[in-house]
C-alpha atoms as a PDB file:
ATOM      1  CA  UNK A   1      24.820 104.449 -99.074  1.00  0.00           C
ATOM      2  CA  UNK A   2      23.093 101.460 -97.420  1.00  0.00           C
ATOM      3  CA  UNK A   3      25.045  99.134 -95.224  1.00  0.00           C
ATOM      4  CA  UNK A   4      25.187  95.562 -96.539  1.00  0.00           C
ATOM      5  CA  UNK A   5      23.638  92.918 -94.320  1.00  0.00           C
ATOM      6  CA  UNK A   6      25.770  89.974 -93.338  1.00  0.00           C
ATOM      7  CA  UNK A   7      24.579  86.765 -95.001  1.00  0.00           C
ATOM      8  CA  UNK A   8      22.393  84.562 -92.829  1.00  0.00           C
ATOM      9  CA  UNK A   9      24.169  81.287 -92.219  1.00  0.00           C
ATOM     10  CA  UNK A  10      22.761  78.316 -90.299  1.00  0.00           C
ATOM     11  CA  UNK A  11      25.254  79.036 -87.484  1.00  0.00           C
ATOM     12  CA  UNK A  12      24.346  82.748 -87.269  1.00  0.00           C
ATOM     13  CA  UNK A  13      20.648  81.856 -87.240  1.00  0.00           C
ATOM     14  CA  UNK A  14      21.283  79.288 -84.497  1.00  0.00           C
ATOM     15  CA  UNK A  15      23.242  81.878 -82.468  1.00  0.00           C
ATOM     16  CA  UNK A  16      20.419  84.411 -82.862  1.00  0.00           C
ATOM     17  CA  UNK A  17      17.791  81.904 -81.753  1.00  0.00           C
ATOM     18  CA  UNK A  18      20.005  80.820 -78.867  1.00  0.00           C
ATOM     19  CA  UNK A  19      20.317  84.426 -77.642  1.00  0.00           C
ATOM     20  CA  UNK A  20      16.523  84.869 -77.926  1.00  0.00           C
ATOM     21  CA  UNK A  21      15.927  81.716 -75.854  1.00  0.00           C
ATOM     22  CA  UNK A  22      18.526  82.760 -73.254  1.00  0.00           C
ATOM     23  CA  UNK A  23      16.825  86.141 -72.969  1.00  0.00           C
ATOM     24  CA  UNK A  24      13.397  84.543 -72.519  1.00  0.00           C
ATOM     25  CA  UNK A  25      14.756  82.050 -69.983  1.00  0.00           C
ATOM     26  CA  UNK A  26      16.468  84.796 -67.984  1.00  0.00           C
ATOM     27  CA  UNK A  27      13.109  86.595 -67.657  1.00  0.00           C
ATOM     28  CA  UNK A  28      11.334  83.301 -66.837  1.00  0.00           C
ATOM     29  CA  UNK A  29       9.152  83.947 -69.903  1.00  0.00           C
ATOM     30  CA  UNK A  30       9.719  80.406 -71.177  1.00  0.00           C
ATOM     31  CA  UNK A  31       8.873  77.769 -68.561  1.00  0.00           C
ATOM     32  CA  UNK A  32      11.029  74.649 -68.623  1.00  0.00           C
ATOM     33  CA  UNK A  33       9.978  71.031 -68.126  1.00  0.00           C
ATOM     34  CA  UNK A  34      12.284  69.260 -65.660  1.00  0.00           C
ATOM     35  CA  UNK A  35      14.170  66.239 -66.986  1.00  0.00           C
ATOM     36  CA  UNK A  36      14.191  63.331 -66.757  1.00  0.00           C
ATOM     37  CA  UNK A  37      10.457  63.265 -67.457  1.00  0.00           C
ATOM     38  CA  UNK A  38       8.508  60.051 -66.850  1.00  0.00           C
ATOM     39  CA  UNK A  39       4.854  59.176 -67.372  1.00  0.00           C
ATOM     40  CA  UNK A  40       2.893  55.963 -67.627  1.00  0.00           C
ATOM     41  CA  UNK A  41      -0.027  57.702 -69.354  1.00  0.00           C
ATOM     42  CA  UNK A  42       0.105  58.766 -73.009  1.00  0.00           C
ATOM     43  CA  UNK A  43      -2.593  61.371 -72.329  1.00  0.00           C
ATOM     44  CA  UNK A  44      -0.633  62.928 -69.460  1.00  0.00           C
ATOM     45  CA  UNK A  45       2.621  62.926 -71.447  1.00  0.00           C
ATOM     46  CA  UNK A  46       0.915  64.455 -74.474  1.00  0.00           C
ATOM     47  CA  UNK A  47      -0.792  67.180 -72.380  1.00  0.00           C
ATOM     48  CA  UNK A  48       2.378  67.972 -70.437  1.00  0.00           C
ATOM     49  CA  UNK A  49       4.601  68.280 -73.513  1.00  0.00           C
ATOM     50  CA  UNK A  50       1.974  70.342 -75.378  1.00  0.00           C
ATOM     51  CA  UNK A  51       1.575  72.710 -72.419  1.00  0.00           C
ATOM     52  CA  UNK A  52       5.279  73.645 -72.567  1.00  0.00           C
ATOM     53  CA  UNK A  53       5.296  74.528 -76.294  1.00  0.00           C
ATOM     54  CA  UNK A  54       5.263  78.325 -76.553  1.00  0.00           C
ATOM     55  CA  UNK A  55       5.211  80.767 -79.471  1.00  0.00           C
ATOM     56  CA  UNK A  56       8.189  83.138 -79.517  1.00  0.00           C
ATOM     57  CA  UNK A  57       9.122  86.100 -81.657  1.00  0.00           C
ATOM     58  CA  UNK A  58      12.766  86.578 -82.504  1.00  0.00           C
ATOM     59  CA  UNK A  59      14.129  89.272 -84.829  1.00  0.00           C
ATOM     60  CA  UNK A  60      10.735  89.742 -86.442  1.00  0.00           C
ATOM     61  CA  UNK A  61      10.134  86.033 -87.108  1.00  0.00           C
ATOM     62  CA  UNK A  62       7.672  83.687 -85.413  1.00  0.00           C
ATOM     63  CA  UNK A  63       8.885  80.385 -83.946  1.00  0.00           C
ATOM     64  CA  UNK A  64       7.728  77.787 -81.502  1.00  0.00           C
ATOM     65  CA  UNK A  65       9.939  76.685 -78.634  1.00  0.00           C
ATOM     66  CA  UNK A  66       9.962  74.193 -75.815  1.00  0.00           C
ATOM     67  CA  UNK A  67      12.466  74.292 -72.963  1.00  0.00           C
ATOM     68  CA  UNK A  68      13.732  71.573 -70.672  1.00  0.00           C
ATOM     69  CA  UNK A  69      15.788  71.817 -67.505  1.00  0.00           C
ATOM     70  CA  UNK A  70      18.147  69.233 -66.079  1.00  0.00           C
ATOM     71  CA  UNK A  71      19.627  69.400 -62.612  1.00  0.00           C
ATOM     72  CA  UNK A  72      22.752  67.596 -61.505  1.00  0.00           C
ATOM     73  CA  UNK A  73      23.715  68.602 -58.008  1.00  0.00           C
ATOM     74  CA  UNK A  74      23.719  72.395 -57.917  1.00  0.00           C
ATOM     75  CA  UNK A  75      24.210  72.720 -61.688  1.00  0.00           C
ATOM     76  CA  UNK A  76      21.117  73.360 -63.813  1.00  0.00           C
ATOM     77  CA  UNK A  77      21.218  73.144 -67.587  1.00  0.00           C
ATOM     78  CA  UNK A  78      18.628  74.595 -69.970  1.00  0.00           C
ATOM     79  CA  UNK A  79      17.952  72.788 -73.257  1.00  0.00           C
ATOM     80  CA  UNK A  80      15.712  74.426 -75.829  1.00  0.00           C
ATOM     81  CA  UNK A  81      14.145  73.117 -79.011  1.00  0.00           C
ATOM     82  CA  UNK A  82      13.135  75.713 -81.602  1.00  0.00           C
ATOM     83  CA  UNK A  83      11.352  75.395 -84.908  1.00  0.00           C
ATOM     84  CA  UNK A  84       8.691  76.865 -87.126  1.00  0.00           C
ATOM     85  CA  UNK A  85       6.428  74.063 -85.893  1.00  0.00           C
ATOM     86  CA  UNK A  86       6.434  71.894 -82.764  1.00  0.00           C
ATOM     87  CA  UNK A  87       3.801  69.191 -82.426  1.00  0.00           C
ATOM     88  CA  UNK A  88       3.153  66.306 -80.074  1.00  0.00           C
ATOM     89  CA  UNK A  89       1.940  63.235 -81.939  1.00  0.00           C
ATOM     90  CA  UNK A  90       1.069  59.657 -81.048  1.00  0.00           C
ATOM     91  CA  UNK A  91       2.838  56.675 -82.544  1.00  0.00           C
ATOM     92  CA  UNK A  92       1.862  53.005 -82.136  1.00  0.00           C
ATOM     93  CA  UNK A  93       4.626  50.876 -80.593  1.00  0.00           C
ATOM     94  CA  UNK A  94       4.956  47.475 -78.979  1.00  0.00           C
ATOM     95  CA  UNK A  95       6.458  47.401 -75.461  1.00  0.00           C
ATOM     96  CA  UNK A  96       7.353  44.917 -72.749  1.00  0.00           C
ATOM     97  CA  UNK A  97       5.674  46.004 -69.515  1.00  0.00           C
ATOM     98  CA  UNK A  98       7.776  45.239 -66.423  1.00  0.00           C
ATOM     99  CA  UNK A  99       4.812  45.419 -64.036  1.00  0.00           C
ATOM    100  CA  UNK A 100       2.643  42.840 -65.797  1.00  0.00           C
ATOM    101  CA  UNK A 101       5.345  40.959 -67.705  1.00  0.00           C
ATOM    102  CA  UNK A 102       3.192  41.225 -70.832  1.00  0.00           C
ATOM    103  CA  UNK A 103       3.870  42.666 -74.266  1.00  0.00           C
ATOM    104  CA  UNK A 104       1.506  45.559 -75.032  1.00  0.00           C
ATOM    105  CA  UNK A 105       0.694  47.630 -78.079  1.00  0.00           C
ATOM    106  CA  UNK A 106       0.516  51.237 -76.892  1.00  0.00           C
ATOM    107  CA  UNK A 107       0.550  54.746 -78.294  1.00  0.00           C
ATOM    108  CA  UNK A 108       3.744  56.618 -77.492  1.00  0.00           C
ATOM    109  CA  UNK A 109       4.218  60.405 -77.466  1.00  0.00           C
ATOM    110  CA  UNK A 110       6.517  61.834 -80.143  1.00  0.00           C
ATOM    111  CA  UNK A 111       7.761  65.412 -80.108  1.00  0.00           C
ATOM    112  CA  UNK A 112       8.135  66.649 -83.721  1.00  0.00           C
ATOM    113  CA  UNK A 113      10.195  69.801 -84.269  1.00  0.00           C
ATOM    114  CA  UNK A 114      10.272  70.748 -87.970  1.00  0.00           C
ATOM    115  CA  UNK A 115      10.452  67.091 -88.949  1.00  0.00           C
ATOM    116  CA  UNK A 116      12.984  66.101 -86.272  1.00  0.00           C
ATOM    117  CA  UNK A 117      11.377  63.403 -84.111  1.00  0.00           C
ATOM    118  CA  UNK A 118      12.151  62.975 -80.399  1.00  0.00           C
ATOM    119  CA  UNK A 119      10.727  59.714 -79.063  1.00  0.00           C
ATOM    120  CA  UNK A 120      10.646  59.065 -75.332  1.00  0.00           C
ATOM    121  CA  UNK A 121      11.714  55.480 -74.703  1.00  0.00           C
ATOM    122  CA  UNK A 122       9.720  52.881 -72.785  1.00  0.00           C
ATOM    123  CA  UNK A 123      11.527  52.077 -69.553  1.00  0.00           C
ATOM    124  CA  UNK A 124      10.107  49.294 -67.348  1.00  0.00           C
ATOM    125  CA  UNK A 125       6.497  50.518 -67.276  1.00  0.00           C
ATOM    126  CA  UNK A 126       6.562  54.156 -68.361  1.00  0.00           C
ATOM    127  CA  UNK A 127       7.654  56.613 -71.029  1.00  0.00           C
ATOM    128  CA  UNK A 128      11.007  58.221 -70.230  1.00  0.00           C
ATOM    129  CA  UNK A 129      12.573  61.351 -71.758  1.00  0.00           C
ATOM    130  CA  UNK A 130      16.037  62.665 -70.896  1.00  0.00           C
ATOM    131  CA  UNK A 131      18.508  65.275 -72.158  1.00  0.00           C
ATOM    132  CA  UNK A 132      20.495  62.830 -74.311  1.00  0.00           C
ATOM    133  CA  UNK A 133      17.386  62.059 -76.393  1.00  0.00           C
ATOM    134  CA  UNK A 134      16.783  65.764 -77.027  1.00  0.00           C
ATOM    135  CA  UNK A 135      20.384  66.477 -77.987  1.00  0.00           C
ATOM    136  CA  UNK A 136      20.109  63.938 -80.842  1.00  0.00           C
ATOM    137  CA  UNK A 137      17.732  66.363 -82.585  1.00  0.00           C
ATOM    138  CA  UNK A 138      19.482  69.201 -84.444  1.00  0.00           C
ATOM    139  CA  UNK A 139      16.631  71.542 -83.493  1.00  0.00           C
ATOM    140  CA  UNK A 140      17.499  71.152 -79.794  1.00  0.00           C
ATOM    141  CA  UNK A 141      20.558  72.554 -78.039  1.00  0.00           C
ATOM    142  CA  UNK A 142      21.890  73.404 -74.626  1.00  0.00           C
ATOM    143  CA  UNK A 143      21.392  77.155 -74.270  1.00  0.00           C
ATOM    144  CA  UNK A 144      22.554  77.897 -70.765  1.00  0.00           C
ATOM    145  CA  UNK A 145      23.564  76.609 -67.389  1.00  0.00           C
ATOM    146  CA  UNK A 146      23.814  77.864 -63.860  1.00  0.00           C
ATOM    147  CA  UNK A 147      25.641  76.607 -60.839  1.00  0.00           C
ATOM    148  CA  UNK A 148      25.562  77.463 -57.176  1.00  0.00           C
ATOM    149  CA  UNK A 149      22.742  77.780 -54.702  1.00  0.00           C
ATOM    150  CA  UNK A 150      19.770  80.122 -54.888  1.00  0.00           C
ATOM    151  CA  UNK A 151      19.918  81.283 -51.232  1.00  0.00           C
END
């Protein structure tokens, strides 16, 4: 007699993906971009974000993931975004530049994870991305943290 499989629920799938990401992070197989991330150049931001997107295999399925790391004192937190597709797009926006005092029309980087859009905000004269912006996307979650020194 075959054993019945437990039904796959969104929470069980999230837990499985979380354990896969934690395993990859523990082996340093998934590099993490340090937050907050700032860049004045759309090209640099686009290249940097794209470079951190990595294919992963979890329980026989293919995903794409991107990891971010925040540090507050000795505590480091890992945030991962996982989806069947992760892309970095450009979006036209109008911004007030603090350096020149002028209003500019620029292209902004947008991280798209299965339709969930994470938009770095324009702060003074550069694009700015922090953990709070990522946590607004349901495809992103805190997957681990460490505290203490690495001596």
